[in-house]
Amino acid sequence: MSDNNKNQLQIELPQEVAQGEYANFAIITHSSSDFVIDFARVLPGVPKAQVKSRVILAPEHAKRLLGALQENITRYEREFGSIKIPQQEPRTIAPFPTGKGEA
């Protein structure tokens, strides 16, 4: 086995996770030691959004995720064109207006 193969991380993707969860709303909070990202699904006419997944990251990993997302968005836009975001409240990550409710 070469050194490259020895240092390769193998990732297992269980069947129940492989299907993924659709989320169109994210709530991000942090403390001095962690970033917490809750992914939820908001549906038109439904006043309650249910969190479908929670990811907890160390600050260093959150910053790495930010960089990886930026790199992938840049590649995506290079291939498919600019991603347009409709005008809405600043920092809202939702597909349509959600009013002034709190998560």
PDB file of N, CA and C in Angstrom:
ATOM      1  N   MET A   1       0.859  -1.184   0.000  1.00  0.00           N
ATOM      2  CA  MET A   1       0.000   0.000   0.000  1.00  0.00           C
ATOM      3  C   MET A   1       0.896   1.235   0.000  1.00  0.00           C
ATOM      4  N   SER A   2       0.599   2.166  -0.892  1.00  0.00           N
ATOM      5  CA  SER A   2       1.405   3.384  -0.963  1.00  0.00           C
ATOM      6  C   SER A   2       1.004   4.350   0.147  1.00  0.00           C
ATOM      7  N   ASP A   3       1.858   5.368   0.375  1.00  0.00           N
ATOM      8  CA  ASP A   3       1.572   6.364   1.406  1.00  0.00           C
ATOM      9  C   ASP A   3       0.274   7.114   1.102  1.00  0.00           C
ATOM     10  N   ASN A   4      -0.014   7.364  -0.185  1.00  0.00           N
ATOM     11  CA  ASN A   4      -1.240   8.075  -0.552  1.00  0.00           C
ATOM     12  C   ASN A   4      -2.479   7.294  -0.125  1.00  0.00           C
ATOM     13  N   ASN A   5      -2.479   5.977  -0.341  1.00  0.00           N
ATOM     14  CA  ASN A   5      -3.633   5.165   0.029  1.00  0.00           C
ATOM     15  C   ASN A   5      -3.771   5.052   1.543  1.00  0.00           C
ATOM     16  N   LYS A   6      -2.641   5.035   2.252  1.00  0.00           N
ATOM     17  CA  LYS A   6      -2.674   4.939   3.710  1.00  0.00           C
ATOM     18  C   LYS A   6      -3.335   6.166   4.334  1.00  0.00           C
ATOM     19  N   ASN A   7      -3.130   7.336   3.754  1.00  0.00           N
ATOM     20  CA  ASN A   7      -3.644   8.582   4.309  1.00  0.00           C
ATOM     21  C   ASN A   7      -5.029   8.960   3.781  1.00  0.00           C
ATOM     22  N   GLN A   8      -5.618   8.119   2.923  1.00  0.00           N
ATOM     23  CA  GLN A   8      -6.930   8.430   2.365  1.00  0.00           C
ATOM     24  C   GLN A   8      -8.027   8.082   3.357  1.00  0.00           C
ATOM     25  N   LEU A   9      -8.962   9.002   3.545  1.00  0.00           N
ATOM     26  CA  LEU A   9     -10.089   8.790   4.435  1.00  0.00           C
ATOM     27  C   LEU A   9     -11.198   8.113   3.647  1.00  0.00           C
ATOM     28  N   GLN A  10     -11.728   7.042   4.187  1.00  0.00           N
ATOM     29  CA  GLN A  10     -12.856   6.370   3.552  1.00  0.00           C
ATOM     30  C   GLN A  10     -14.135   6.863   4.204  1.00  0.00           C
ATOM     31  N   ILE A  11     -15.098   7.223   3.386  1.00  0.00           N
ATOM     32  CA  ILE A  11     -16.366   7.764   3.864  1.00  0.00           C
ATOM     33  C   ILE A  11     -17.450   6.727   3.615  1.00  0.00           C
ATOM     34  N   GLU A  12     -18.225   6.426   4.643  1.00  0.00           N
ATOM     35  CA  GLU A  12     -19.358   5.509   4.505  1.00  0.00           C
ATOM     36  C   GLU A  12     -20.633   6.333   4.461  1.00  0.00           C
ATOM     37  N   LEU A  13     -21.506   6.055   3.512  1.00  0.00           N
ATOM     38  CA  LEU A  13     -22.770   6.775   3.360  1.00  0.00           C
ATOM     39  C   LEU A  13     -23.912   5.777   3.523  1.00  0.00           C
ATOM     40  N   PRO A  14     -24.477   5.689   4.737  1.00  0.00           N
ATOM     41  CA  PRO A  14     -25.581   4.754   4.961  1.00  0.00           C
ATOM     42  C   PRO A  14     -26.774   5.076   4.063  1.00  0.00           C
ATOM     43  N   GLN A  15     -27.527   4.056   3.682  1.00  0.00           N
ATOM     44  CA  GLN A  15     -28.657   4.199   2.763  1.00  0.00           C
ATOM     45  C   GLN A  15     -29.664   5.237   3.247  1.00  0.00           C
ATOM     46  N   GLU A  16     -29.976   5.243   4.549  1.00  0.00           N
ATOM     47  CA  GLU A  16     -30.995   6.172   5.054  1.00  0.00           C
ATOM     48  C   GLU A  16     -30.515   7.623   5.023  1.00  0.00           C
ATOM     49  N   VAL A  17     -29.215   7.841   5.013  1.00  0.00           N
ATOM     50  CA  VAL A  17     -28.664   9.195   4.935  1.00  0.00           C
ATOM     51  C   VAL A  17     -28.480   9.602   3.477  1.00  0.00           C
ATOM     52  N   ALA A  18     -28.211   8.645   2.608  1.00  0.00           N
ATOM     53  CA  ALA A  18     -27.917   8.911   1.194  1.00  0.00           C
ATOM     54  C   ALA A  18     -29.070   9.616   0.480  1.00  0.00           C
ATOM     55  N   GLN A  19     -30.294   9.381   0.919  1.00  0.00           N
ATOM     56  CA  GLN A  19     -31.446  10.017   0.275  1.00  0.00           C
ATOM     57  C   GLN A  19     -31.508  11.502   0.584  1.00  0.00           C
ATOM     58  N   GLY A  20     -30.885  11.944   1.655  1.00  0.00           N
ATOM     59  CA  GLY A  20     -30.846  13.356   2.002  1.00  0.00           C
ATOM     60  C   GLY A  20     -32.160  13.867   2.564  1.00  0.00           C
ATOM     61  N   GLU A  21     -32.140  15.090   3.033  1.00  0.00           N
ATOM     62  CA  GLU A  21     -33.308  15.808   3.546  1.00  0.00           C
ATOM     63  C   GLU A  21     -33.371  17.135   2.819  1.00  0.00           C
ATOM     64  N   TYR A  22     -34.505  17.471   2.240  1.00  0.00           N
ATOM     65  CA  TYR A  22     -34.658  18.763   1.581  1.00  0.00           C
ATOM     66  C   TYR A  22     -34.837  19.842   2.647  1.00  0.00           C
ATOM     67  N   ALA A  23     -34.059  20.904   2.556  1.00  0.00           N
ATOM     68  CA  ALA A  23     -34.183  22.041   3.462  1.00  0.00           C
ATOM     69  C   ALA A  23     -34.121  23.324   2.641  1.00  0.00           C
ATOM     70  N   ASN A  24     -35.014  24.260   2.962  1.00  0.00           N
ATOM     71  CA  ASN A  24     -35.006  25.553   2.274  1.00  0.00           C
ATOM     72  C   ASN A  24     -34.952  26.705   3.272  1.00  0.00           C
ATOM     73  N   PHE A  25     -34.529  26.397   4.501  1.00  0.00           N
ATOM     74  CA  PHE A  25     -34.422  27.399   5.549  1.00  0.00           C
ATOM     75  C   PHE A  25     -33.310  26.964   6.500  1.00  0.00           C
ATOM     76  N   ALA A  26     -32.453  27.885   6.879  1.00  0.00           N
ATOM     77  CA  ALA A  26     -31.358  27.556   7.797  1.00  0.00           C
ATOM     78  C   ALA A  26     -31.290  28.597   8.903  1.00  0.00           C
ATOM     79  N   ILE A  27     -31.041  28.119  10.101  1.00  0.00           N
ATOM     80  CA  ILE A  27     -30.865  28.988  11.261  1.00  0.00           C
ATOM     81  C   ILE A  27     -29.466  28.701  11.794  1.00  0.00           C
ATOM     82  N   ILE A  28     -28.645  29.741  11.888  1.00  0.00           N
ATOM     83  CA  ILE A  28     -27.258  29.559  12.325  1.00  0.00           C
ATOM     84  C   ILE A  28     -27.057  30.324  13.624  1.00  0.00           C
ATOM     85  N   THR A  29     -26.565  29.623  14.644  1.00  0.00           N
ATOM     86  CA  THR A  29     -26.229  30.244  15.919  1.00  0.00           C
ATOM     87  C   THR A  29     -24.823  29.795  16.308  1.00  0.00           C
ATOM     88  N   HIS A  30     -24.245  30.470  17.289  1.00  0.00           N
ATOM     89  CA  HIS A  30     -22.908  30.075  17.711  1.00  0.00           C
ATOM     90  C   HIS A  30     -22.672  30.427  19.172  1.00  0.00           C
ATOM     91  N   SER A  31     -21.708  29.732  19.745  1.00  0.00           N
ATOM     92  CA  SER A  31     -21.179  30.047  21.071  1.00  0.00           C
ATOM     93  C   SER A  31     -19.680  30.253  20.879  1.00  0.00           C
ATOM     94  N   SER A  32     -18.949  30.373  21.955  1.00  0.00           N
ATOM     95  CA  SER A  32     -17.501  30.552  21.815  1.00  0.00           C
ATOM     96  C   SER A  32     -16.826  29.288  21.289  1.00  0.00           C
ATOM     97  N   SER A  33     -17.489  28.136  21.402  1.00  0.00           N
ATOM     98  CA  SER A  33     -16.830  26.891  21.007  1.00  0.00           C
ATOM     99  C   SER A  33     -17.494  26.149  19.856  1.00  0.00           C
ATOM    100  N   ASP A  34     -18.713  26.538  19.455  1.00  0.00           N
ATOM    101  CA  ASP A  34     -19.431  25.788  18.424  1.00  0.00           C
ATOM    102  C   ASP A  34     -20.274  26.699  17.541  1.00  0.00           C
ATOM    103  N   PHE A  35     -20.490  26.241  16.305  1.00  0.00           N
ATOM    104  CA  PHE A  35     -21.492  26.809  15.411  1.00  0.00           C
ATOM    105  C   PHE A  35     -22.561  25.737  15.263  1.00  0.00           C
ATOM    106  N   VAL A  36     -23.826  26.141  15.328  1.00  0.00           N
ATOM    107  CA  VAL A  36     -24.934  25.205  15.174  1.00  0.00           C
ATOM    108  C   VAL A  36     -25.747  25.663  13.969  1.00  0.00           C
ATOM    109  N   ILE A  37     -25.940  24.744  13.016  1.00  0.00           N
ATOM    110  CA  ILE A  37     -26.747  25.039  11.831  1.00  0.00           C
ATOM    111  C   ILE A  37     -27.941  24.099  11.849  1.00  0.00           C
ATOM    112  N   ASP A  38     -29.135  24.680  11.972  1.00  0.00           N
ATOM    113  CA  ASP A  38     -30.374  23.912  11.894  1.00  0.00           C
ATOM    114  C   ASP A  38     -30.948  24.095  10.500  1.00  0.00           C
ATOM    115  N   PHE A  39     -31.214  22.987   9.828  1.00  0.00           N
ATOM    116  CA  PHE A  39     -31.813  23.005   8.498  1.00  0.00           C
ATOM    117  C   PHE A  39     -33.277  22.613   8.632  1.00  0.00           C
ATOM    118  N   ALA A  40     -34.158  23.448   8.068  1.00  0.00           N
ATOM    119  CA  ALA A  40     -35.593  23.209   8.174  1.00  0.00           C
ATOM    120  C   ALA A  40     -36.240  23.295   6.804  1.00  0.00           C
ATOM    121  N   ARG A  41     -37.496  22.884   6.768  1.00  0.00           N
ATOM    122  CA  ARG A  41     -38.283  22.959   5.545  1.00  0.00           C
ATOM    123  C   ARG A  41     -39.481  23.862   5.821  1.00  0.00           C
ATOM    124  N   VAL A  42     -39.599  24.945   5.057  1.00  0.00           N
ATOM    125  CA  VAL A  42     -40.721  25.876   5.179  1.00  0.00           C
ATOM    126  C   VAL A  42     -41.635  25.639   3.984  1.00  0.00           C
ATOM    127  N   LEU A  43     -42.926  25.489   4.258  1.00  0.00           N
ATOM    128  CA  LEU A  43     -43.891  25.263   3.188  1.00  0.00           C
ATOM    129  C   LEU A  43     -44.899  26.407   3.163  1.00  0.00           C
ATOM    130  N   PRO A  44     -45.361  26.813   1.979  1.00  0.00           N
ATOM    131  CA  PRO A  44     -46.326  27.910   1.886  1.00  0.00           C
ATOM    132  C   PRO A  44     -47.596  27.582   2.666  1.00  0.00           C
ATOM    133  N   GLY A  45     -48.069  28.553   3.432  1.00  0.00           N
ATOM    134  CA  GLY A  45     -49.313  28.370   4.172  1.00  0.00           C
ATOM    135  C   GLY A  45     -49.183  27.566   5.452  1.00  0.00           C
ATOM    136  N   VAL A  46     -47.999  27.061   5.746  1.00  0.00           N
ATOM    137  CA  VAL A  46     -47.786  26.294   6.972  1.00  0.00           C
ATOM    138  C   VAL A  46     -46.990  27.182   7.924  1.00  0.00           C
ATOM    139  N   PRO A  47     -47.587  27.558   9.065  1.00  0.00           N
ATOM    140  CA  PRO A  47     -46.939  28.530   9.943  1.00  0.00           C
ATOM    141  C   PRO A  47     -45.765  27.987  10.753  1.00  0.00           C
ATOM    142  N   LYS A  48     -45.536  26.689  10.698  1.00  0.00           N
ATOM    143  CA  LYS A  48     -44.495  26.088  11.526  1.00  0.00           C
ATOM    144  C   LYS A  48     -43.485  25.362  10.639  1.00  0.00           C
ATOM    145  N   ALA A  49     -42.206  25.670  10.829  1.00  0.00           N
ATOM    146  CA  ALA A  49     -41.145  24.975  10.089  1.00  0.00           C
ATOM    147  C   ALA A  49     -40.520  23.945  11.015  1.00  0.00           C
ATOM    148  N   GLN A  50     -40.360  22.729  10.516  1.00  0.00           N
ATOM    149  CA  GLN A  50     -39.773  21.675  11.330  1.00  0.00           C
ATOM    150  C   GLN A  50     -38.302  21.511  10.974  1.00  0.00           C
ATOM    151  N   VAL A  51     -37.444  21.525  12.007  1.00  0.00           N
ATOM    152  CA  VAL A  51     -36.017  21.288  11.781  1.00  0.00           C
ATOM    153  C   VAL A  51     -35.847  19.838  11.366  1.00  0.00           C
ATOM    154  N   LYS A  52     -35.171  19.628  10.245  1.00  0.00           N
ATOM    155  CA  LYS A  52     -34.955  18.292   9.707  1.00  0.00           C
ATOM    156  C   LYS A  52     -33.576  17.756  10.034  1.00  0.00           C
ATOM    157  N   SER A  53     -32.621  18.669  10.276  1.00  0.00           N
ATOM    158  CA  SER A  53     -31.259  18.236  10.559  1.00  0.00           C
ATOM    159  C   SER A  53     -30.529  19.337  11.314  1.00  0.00           C
ATOM    160  N   ARG A  54     -29.654  18.940  12.222  1.00  0.00           N
ATOM    161  CA  ARG A  54     -28.825  19.886  12.971  1.00  0.00           C
ATOM    162  C   ARG A  54     -27.377  19.448  12.799  1.00  0.00           C
ATOM    163  N   VAL A  55     -26.522  20.406  12.436  1.00  0.00           N
ATOM    164  CA  VAL A  55     -25.096  20.142  12.297  1.00  0.00           C
ATOM    165  C   VAL A  55     -24.366  21.061  13.266  1.00  0.00           C
ATOM    166  N   ILE A  56     -23.492  20.479  14.078  1.00  0.00           N
ATOM    167  CA  ILE A  56     -22.716  21.238  15.052  1.00  0.00           C
ATOM    168  C   ILE A  56     -21.247  21.180  14.633  1.00  0.00           C
ATOM    169  N   LEU A  57     -20.630  22.354  14.493  1.00  0.00           N
ATOM    170  CA  LEU A  57     -19.263  22.450  13.988  1.00  0.00           C
ATOM    171  C   LEU A  57     -18.387  23.249  14.941  1.00  0.00           C
ATOM    172  N   ALA A  58     -17.122  22.862  15.021  1.00  0.00           N
ATOM    173  CA  ALA A  58     -16.129  23.697  15.697  1.00  0.00           C
ATOM    174  C   ALA A  58     -15.916  24.932  14.817  1.00  0.00           C
ATOM    175  N   PRO A  59     -15.536  26.076  15.399  1.00  0.00           N
ATOM    176  CA  PRO A  59     -15.335  27.294  14.604  1.00  0.00           C
ATOM    177  C   PRO A  59     -14.410  27.086  13.397  1.00  0.00           C
ATOM    178  N   GLU A  60     -13.343  26.322  13.579  1.00  0.00           N
ATOM    179  CA  GLU A  60     -12.407  26.078  12.470  1.00  0.00           C
ATOM    180  C   GLU A  60     -13.093  25.338  11.322  1.00  0.00           C
ATOM    181  N   HIS A  61     -13.947  24.374  11.656  1.00  0.00           N
ATOM    182  CA  HIS A  61     -14.653  23.623  10.620  1.00  0.00           C
ATOM    183  C   HIS A  61     -15.727  24.479   9.953  1.00  0.00           C
ATOM    184  N   ALA A  62     -16.354  25.365  10.727  1.00  0.00           N
ATOM    185  CA  ALA A  62     -17.336  26.278  10.141  1.00  0.00           C
ATOM    186  C   ALA A  62     -16.663  27.169   9.093  1.00  0.00           C
ATOM    187  N   LYS A  63     -15.471  27.643   9.407  1.00  0.00           N
ATOM    188  CA  LYS A  63     -14.750  28.496   8.453  1.00  0.00           C
ATOM    189  C   LYS A  63     -14.328  27.697   7.225  1.00  0.00           C
ATOM    190  N   ARG A  64     -13.935  26.443   7.419  1.00  0.00           N
ATOM    191  CA  ARG A  64     -13.606  25.582   6.273  1.00  0.00           C
ATOM    192  C   ARG A  64     -14.836  25.337   5.412  1.00  0.00           C
ATOM    193  N   LEU A  65     -15.989  25.126   6.056  1.00  0.00           N
ATOM    194  CA  LEU A  65     -17.237  24.931   5.319  1.00  0.00           C
ATOM    195  C   LEU A  65     -17.568  26.175   4.503  1.00  0.00           C
ATOM    196  N   LEU A  66     -17.419  27.350   5.106  1.00  0.00           N
ATOM    197  CA  LEU A  66     -17.648  28.604   4.394  1.00  0.00           C
ATOM    198  C   LEU A  66     -16.780  28.686   3.134  1.00  0.00           C
ATOM    199  N   GLY A  67     -15.511  28.370   3.265  1.00  0.00           N
ATOM    200  CA  GLY A  67     -14.606  28.397   2.111  1.00  0.00           C
ATOM    201  C   GLY A  67     -14.986  27.378   1.053  1.00  0.00           C
ATOM    202  N   ALA A  68     -15.352  26.172   1.488  1.00  0.00           N
ATOM    203  CA  ALA A  68     -15.735  25.118   0.537  1.00  0.00           C
ATOM    204  C   ALA A  68     -17.019  25.493  -0.197  1.00  0.00           C
ATOM    205  N   LEU A  69     -17.982  26.076   0.516  1.00  0.00           N
ATOM    206  CA  LEU A  69     -19.214  26.517  -0.136  1.00  0.00           C
ATOM    207  C   LEU A  69     -18.928  27.612  -1.154  1.00  0.00           C
ATOM    208  N   GLN A  70     -18.074  28.586  -0.767  1.00  0.00           N
ATOM    209  CA  GLN A  70     -17.748  29.674  -1.687  1.00  0.00           C
ATOM    210  C   GLN A  70     -17.074  29.138  -2.945  1.00  0.00           C
ATOM    211  N   GLU A  71     -16.148  28.217  -2.766  1.00  0.00           N
ATOM    212  CA  GLU A  71     -15.453  27.629  -3.912  1.00  0.00           C
ATOM    213  C   GLU A  71     -16.431  26.895  -4.830  1.00  0.00           C
ATOM    214  N   ASN A  72     -17.366  26.146  -4.248  1.00  0.00           N
ATOM    215  CA  ASN A  72     -18.326  25.404  -5.057  1.00  0.00           C
ATOM    216  C   ASN A  72     -19.343  26.315  -5.723  1.00  0.00           C
ATOM    217  N   ILE A  73     -19.753  27.390  -5.058  1.00  0.00           N
ATOM    218  CA  ILE A  73     -20.666  28.346  -5.689  1.00  0.00           C
ATOM    219  C   ILE A  73     -19.982  29.027  -6.864  1.00  0.00           C
ATOM    220  N   THR A  74     -18.714  29.379  -6.699  1.00  0.00           N
ATOM    221  CA  THR A  74     -17.954  29.989  -7.794  1.00  0.00           C
ATOM    222  C   THR A  74     -17.906  29.050  -8.990  1.00  0.00           C
ATOM    223  N   ARG A  75     -17.613  27.776  -8.751  1.00  0.00           N
ATOM    224  CA  ARG A  75     -17.578  26.786  -9.849  1.00  0.00           C
ATOM    225  C   ARG A  75     -18.951  26.615 -10.490  1.00  0.00           C
ATOM    226  N   TYR A  76     -19.980  26.545  -9.665  1.00  0.00           N
ATOM    227  CA  TYR A  76     -21.346  26.389 -10.163  1.00  0.00           C
ATOM    228  C   TYR A  76     -21.708  27.554 -11.085  1.00  0.00           C
ATOM    229  N   GLU A  77     -21.445  28.795 -10.613  1.00  0.00           N
ATOM    230  CA  GLU A  77     -21.805  29.969 -11.400  1.00  0.00           C
ATOM    231  C   GLU A  77     -20.987  30.073 -12.675  1.00  0.00           C
ATOM    232  N   ARG A  78     -19.766  29.597 -12.638  1.00  0.00           N
ATOM    233  CA  ARG A  78     -18.941  29.581 -13.843  1.00  0.00           C
ATOM    234  C   ARG A  78     -19.575  28.658 -14.892  1.00  0.00           C
ATOM    235  N   GLU A  79     -20.137  27.552 -14.444  1.00  0.00           N
ATOM    236  CA  GLU A  79     -20.713  26.571 -15.367  1.00  0.00           C
ATOM    237  C   GLU A  79     -22.154  26.877 -15.752  1.00  0.00           C
ATOM    238  N   PHE A  80     -22.971  27.341 -14.795  1.00  0.00           N
ATOM    239  CA  PHE A  80     -24.408  27.483 -15.028  1.00  0.00           C
ATOM    240  C   PHE A  80     -24.920  28.918 -15.013  1.00  0.00           C
ATOM    241  N   GLY A  81     -24.079  29.873 -14.667  1.00  0.00           N
ATOM    242  CA  GLY A  81     -24.518  31.262 -14.608  1.00  0.00           C
ATOM    243  C   GLY A  81     -24.779  31.706 -13.177  1.00  0.00           C
ATOM    244  N   SER A  82     -24.940  32.988 -13.014  1.00  0.00           N
ATOM    245  CA  SER A  82     -25.105  33.601 -11.703  1.00  0.00           C
ATOM    246  C   SER A  82     -26.368  33.108 -10.999  1.00  0.00           C
ATOM    247  N   ILE A  83     -26.263  32.865  -9.721  1.00  0.00           N
ATOM    248  CA  ILE A  83     -27.408  32.479  -8.899  1.00  0.00           C
ATOM    249  C   ILE A  83     -28.104  33.762  -8.458  1.00  0.00           C
ATOM    250  N   LYS A  84     -29.371  33.885  -8.805  1.00  0.00           N
ATOM    251  CA  LYS A  84     -30.151  35.069  -8.456  1.00  0.00           C
ATOM    252  C   LYS A  84     -30.876  34.830  -7.138  1.00  0.00           C
ATOM    253  N   ILE A  85     -30.806  35.811  -6.238  1.00  0.00           N
ATOM    254  CA  ILE A  85     -31.506  35.736  -4.966  1.00  0.00           C
ATOM    255  C   ILE A  85     -32.561  36.829  -4.955  1.00  0.00           C
ATOM    256  N   PRO A  86     -33.850  36.454  -4.797  1.00  0.00           N
ATOM    257  CA  PRO A  86     -34.904  37.477  -4.764  1.00  0.00           C
ATOM    258  C   PRO A  86     -34.714  38.404  -3.578  1.00  0.00           C
ATOM    259  N   GLN A  87     -35.186  39.642  -3.707  1.00  0.00           N
ATOM    260  CA  GLN A  87     -35.089  40.609  -2.609  1.00  0.00           C
ATOM    261  C   GLN A  87     -35.923  40.117  -1.439  1.00  0.00           C
ATOM    262  N   GLN A  88     -35.306  40.071  -0.265  1.00  0.00           N
ATOM    263  CA  GLN A  88     -36.007  39.729   0.964  1.00  0.00           C
ATOM    264  C   GLN A  88     -35.222  40.287   2.129  1.00  0.00           C
ATOM    265  N   GLU A  89     -35.720  40.073   3.322  1.00  0.00           N
ATOM    266  CA  GLU A  89     -35.042  40.582   4.501  1.00  0.00           C
ATOM    267  C   GLU A  89     -33.588  40.152   4.502  1.00  0.00           C
ATOM    268  N   PRO A  90     -32.692  41.029   4.926  1.00  0.00           N
ATOM    269  CA  PRO A  90     -31.291  40.629   5.018  1.00  0.00           C
ATOM    270  C   PRO A  90     -31.133  39.422   5.942  1.00  0.00           C
ATOM    271  N   ARG A  91     -30.237  38.552   5.556  1.00  0.00           N
ATOM    272  CA  ARG A  91     -29.863  37.364   6.343  1.00  0.00           C
ATOM    273  C   ARG A  91     -30.956  36.319   6.449  1.00  0.00           C
ATOM    274  N   THR A  92     -32.052  36.459   5.694  1.00  0.00           N
ATOM    275  CA  THR A  92     -33.078  35.426   5.705  1.00  0.00           C
ATOM    276  C   THR A  92     -32.717  34.391   4.659  1.00  0.00           C
ATOM    277  N   ILE A  93     -32.713  33.154   5.070  1.00  0.00           N
ATOM    278  CA  ILE A  93     -32.423  32.073   4.130  1.00  0.00           C
ATOM    279  C   ILE A  93     -33.696  31.251   4.018  1.00  0.00           C
ATOM    280  N   ALA A  94     -34.674  31.790   3.295  1.00  0.00           N
ATOM    281  CA  ALA A  94     -35.951  31.111   3.117  1.00  0.00           C
ATOM    282  C   ALA A  94     -36.426  31.331   1.695  1.00  0.00           C
ATOM    283  N   PRO A  95     -37.229  30.419   1.174  1.00  0.00           N
ATOM    284  CA  PRO A  95     -37.662  30.510  -0.220  1.00  0.00           C
ATOM    285  C   PRO A  95     -38.749  31.541  -0.467  1.00  0.00           C
ATOM    286  N   PHE A  96     -39.442  31.974   0.587  1.00  0.00           N
ATOM    287  CA  PHE A  96     -40.495  32.963   0.451  1.00  0.00           C
ATOM    288  C   PHE A  96     -40.628  33.685   1.775  1.00  0.00           C
ATOM    289  N   PRO A  97     -41.319  34.834   1.819  1.00  0.00           N
ATOM    290  CA  PRO A  97     -41.400  35.604   3.067  1.00  0.00           C
ATOM    291  C   PRO A  97     -41.953  34.767   4.212  1.00  0.00           C
ATOM    292  N   THR A  98     -41.332  34.904   5.368  1.00  0.00           N
ATOM    293  CA  THR A  98     -41.756  34.125   6.533  1.00  0.00           C
ATOM    294  C   THR A  98     -42.330  35.020   7.619  1.00  0.00           C
ATOM    295  N   GLY A  99     -42.482  36.306   7.357  1.00  0.00           N
ATOM    296  CA  GLY A  99     -42.993  37.211   8.365  1.00  0.00           C
ATOM    297  C   GLY A  99     -41.940  37.516   9.405  1.00  0.00           C
ATOM    298  N   LYS A 100     -42.359  37.944  10.564  1.00  0.00           N
ATOM    299  CA  LYS A 100     -41.421  38.347  11.614  1.00  0.00           C
ATOM    300  C   LYS A 100     -41.298  37.278  12.689  1.00  0.00           C
ATOM    301  N   GLY A 101     -41.736  36.056  12.442  1.00  0.00           N
ATOM    302  CA  GLY A 101     -41.665  35.000  13.445  1.00  0.00           C
ATOM    303  C   GLY A 101     -40.243  34.650  13.807  1.00  0.00           C
ATOM    304  N   GLU A 102     -40.078  34.013  14.951  1.00  0.00           N
ATOM    305  CA  GLU A 102     -38.748  33.599  15.406  1.00  0.00           C
ATOM    306  C   GLU A 102     -38.629  32.096  15.285  1.00  0.00           C
ATOM    307  N   ALA A 103     -37.432  31.650  15.090  1.00  0.00           N
ATOM    308  CA  ALA A 103     -37.190  30.218  14.983  1.00  0.00           C
ATOM    309  C   ALA A 103     -36.725  29.677  16.318  1.00  0.00           C
TER     310      ALA A 103
END
